[in-house]
């Protein structure tokens, strides 16, 4: 596994384990976060979430 693939995997693991599916996030923000993480993990283009997140 190359470094880029490992970084994508790490990003996905970190977000899934610590942020995704928390009840505090509004549904629209939850969907935006999931879409962003999946796009990044799959190597597709994505928009940054922007800080602070959630907006």
N, C-alpha and C. Protein backbone atom coordinates (compact mmCIF):
# COMPACT_ATOMS: atom_id res chain seq x y z
N UNK A 1 0.86 -1.17 0.00
CA UNK A 1 0.00 0.00 0.00
C UNK A 1 0.91 1.24 0.00
N UNK A 2 0.69 2.16 -0.94
CA UNK A 2 1.52 3.36 -1.00
C UNK A 2 1.10 4.37 0.07
N UNK A 3 1.91 5.39 0.25
CA UNK A 3 1.68 6.37 1.32
C UNK A 3 0.36 7.12 1.13
N UNK A 4 0.01 7.43 -0.11
CA UNK A 4 -1.24 8.14 -0.37
C UNK A 4 -2.43 7.28 0.05
N UNK A 5 -2.41 6.02 -0.28
CA UNK A 5 -3.49 5.12 0.11
C UNK A 5 -3.55 4.96 1.62
N UNK A 6 -2.39 4.90 2.26
CA UNK A 6 -2.36 4.77 3.71
C UNK A 6 -2.92 6.03 4.38
N UNK A 7 -2.60 7.20 3.83
CA UNK A 7 -3.13 8.45 4.40
C UNK A 7 -4.64 8.53 4.23
N UNK A 8 -5.15 8.12 3.06
CA UNK A 8 -6.60 8.11 2.85
C UNK A 8 -7.27 7.17 3.84
N UNK A 9 -6.67 5.99 4.04
CA UNK A 9 -7.23 5.04 4.99
C UNK A 9 -7.22 5.60 6.40
N UNK A 10 -6.12 6.23 6.78
CA UNK A 10 -6.03 6.83 8.11
C UNK A 10 -7.07 7.91 8.30
N UNK A 11 -7.23 8.77 7.32
CA UNK A 11 -8.25 9.82 7.39
C UNK A 11 -9.62 9.22 7.62
N UNK A 12 -9.94 8.20 6.86
CA UNK A 12 -11.25 7.59 7.01
C UNK A 12 -11.40 6.96 8.39
N UNK A 13 -10.40 6.27 8.86
CA UNK A 13 -10.47 5.63 10.17
C UNK A 13 -10.64 6.66 11.29
N UNK A 14 -9.89 7.74 11.21
CA UNK A 14 -9.99 8.77 12.24
C UNK A 14 -11.38 9.40 12.29
N UNK A 15 -11.90 9.78 11.14
CA UNK A 15 -13.20 10.41 11.11
C UNK A 15 -14.31 9.45 11.51
N UNK A 16 -14.24 8.24 11.02
CA UNK A 16 -15.29 7.28 11.34
C UNK A 16 -15.30 6.97 12.83
N UNK A 17 -14.14 6.87 13.42
CA UNK A 17 -14.08 6.48 14.83
C UNK A 17 -14.40 7.63 15.78
N UNK A 18 -14.21 8.87 15.36
CA UNK A 18 -14.34 9.96 16.32
C UNK A 18 -15.42 10.99 16.00
N UNK A 19 -15.89 11.07 14.78
CA UNK A 19 -16.79 12.17 14.43
C UNK A 19 -18.09 11.69 13.82
N UNK A 20 -18.04 10.71 12.94
CA UNK A 20 -19.23 10.33 12.20
C UNK A 20 -20.33 9.80 13.11
N UNK A 21 -21.54 10.11 12.75
CA UNK A 21 -22.73 9.59 13.41
C UNK A 21 -22.86 10.01 14.86
N UNK A 22 -22.41 11.21 15.17
CA UNK A 22 -22.67 11.77 16.49
C UNK A 22 -23.99 12.51 16.43
N UNK A 23 -24.78 12.37 17.46
CA UNK A 23 -26.11 12.98 17.48
C UNK A 23 -26.07 14.50 17.52
N UNK A 24 -24.94 15.09 17.90
CA UNK A 24 -24.86 16.54 18.02
C UNK A 24 -24.87 17.26 16.68
N UNK A 25 -24.47 16.58 15.61
CA UNK A 25 -24.40 17.22 14.31
C UNK A 25 -25.77 17.23 13.64
N UNK A 26 -26.15 18.39 13.06
CA UNK A 26 -27.39 18.42 12.28
C UNK A 26 -27.28 17.44 11.11
N UNK A 27 -28.41 16.94 10.65
CA UNK A 27 -28.42 15.92 9.59
C UNK A 27 -27.70 16.38 8.33
N UNK A 28 -27.88 17.64 7.93
CA UNK A 28 -27.22 18.16 6.72
C UNK A 28 -25.70 18.17 6.87
N UNK A 29 -25.23 18.54 8.06
CA UNK A 29 -23.78 18.55 8.31
C UNK A 29 -23.24 17.13 8.37
N UNK A 30 -24.01 16.22 8.93
CA UNK A 30 -23.61 14.82 8.98
C UNK A 30 -23.43 14.27 7.57
N UNK A 31 -24.37 14.57 6.68
CA UNK A 31 -24.30 14.11 5.30
C UNK A 31 -23.10 14.73 4.58
N UNK A 32 -22.86 16.02 4.82
CA UNK A 32 -21.72 16.70 4.18
C UNK A 32 -20.41 16.10 4.66
N UNK A 33 -20.30 15.81 5.94
CA UNK A 33 -19.09 15.21 6.49
C UNK A 33 -18.86 13.84 5.89
N UNK A 34 -19.89 13.01 5.86
CA UNK A 34 -19.75 11.67 5.32
C UNK A 34 -19.36 11.71 3.85
N UNK A 35 -20.01 12.57 3.06
CA UNK A 35 -19.68 12.70 1.64
C UNK A 35 -18.23 13.13 1.45
N UNK A 36 -17.77 14.06 2.26
CA UNK A 36 -16.40 14.56 2.16
C UNK A 36 -15.39 13.47 2.50
N UNK A 37 -15.63 12.76 3.58
CA UNK A 37 -14.71 11.71 4.01
C UNK A 37 -14.65 10.60 2.98
N UNK A 38 -15.80 10.19 2.47
CA UNK A 38 -15.80 9.12 1.47
C UNK A 38 -15.10 9.55 0.19
N UNK A 39 -15.33 10.77 -0.25
CA UNK A 39 -14.65 11.26 -1.46
C UNK A 39 -13.14 11.28 -1.26
N UNK A 40 -12.68 11.78 -0.11
CA UNK A 40 -11.25 11.83 0.17
C UNK A 40 -10.66 10.43 0.23
N UNK A 41 -11.36 9.53 0.89
CA UNK A 41 -10.86 8.16 1.04
C UNK A 41 -10.80 7.43 -0.30
N UNK A 42 -11.70 7.79 -1.21
CA UNK A 42 -11.72 7.15 -2.52
C UNK A 42 -10.85 7.87 -3.54
N UNK A 43 -10.21 8.96 -3.13
CA UNK A 43 -9.33 9.70 -4.03
C UNK A 43 -10.07 10.60 -5.01
N UNK A 44 -11.34 10.89 -4.74
CA UNK A 44 -12.11 11.78 -5.61
C UNK A 44 -11.96 13.22 -5.14
N UNK A 45 -12.32 14.15 -6.01
CA UNK A 45 -12.31 15.56 -5.65
C UNK A 45 -13.31 15.80 -4.53
N UNK A 46 -12.98 16.72 -3.61
CA UNK A 46 -13.90 17.04 -2.53
C UNK A 46 -13.66 18.46 -2.07
N UNK A 47 -14.71 19.03 -1.48
CA UNK A 47 -14.63 20.37 -0.90
C UNK A 47 -14.17 20.22 0.54
N UNK A 48 -13.29 21.11 0.99
CA UNK A 48 -12.88 21.08 2.38
C UNK A 48 -14.07 21.41 3.27
N UNK A 49 -14.08 20.85 4.46
CA UNK A 49 -15.18 21.10 5.39
C UNK A 49 -15.18 22.52 5.91
N UNK A 50 -14.01 23.10 6.01
CA UNK A 50 -13.87 24.45 6.54
C UNK A 50 -13.82 24.42 8.05
N UNK A 51 -13.02 25.27 8.60
CA UNK A 51 -12.90 25.36 10.06
C UNK A 51 -13.47 26.68 10.53
N UNK A 52 -14.16 26.73 11.62
CA UNK A 52 -14.45 25.59 12.48
C UNK A 52 -15.55 24.72 11.87
N UNK A 53 -15.49 23.42 12.13
CA UNK A 53 -16.50 22.48 11.68
C UNK A 53 -17.21 21.93 12.90
N UNK A 54 -18.49 21.81 12.92
CA UNK A 54 -19.43 22.14 11.85
C UNK A 54 -19.65 23.64 11.74
N UNK A 55 -19.99 24.04 10.52
CA UNK A 55 -20.15 25.47 10.22
C UNK A 55 -21.36 26.04 10.90
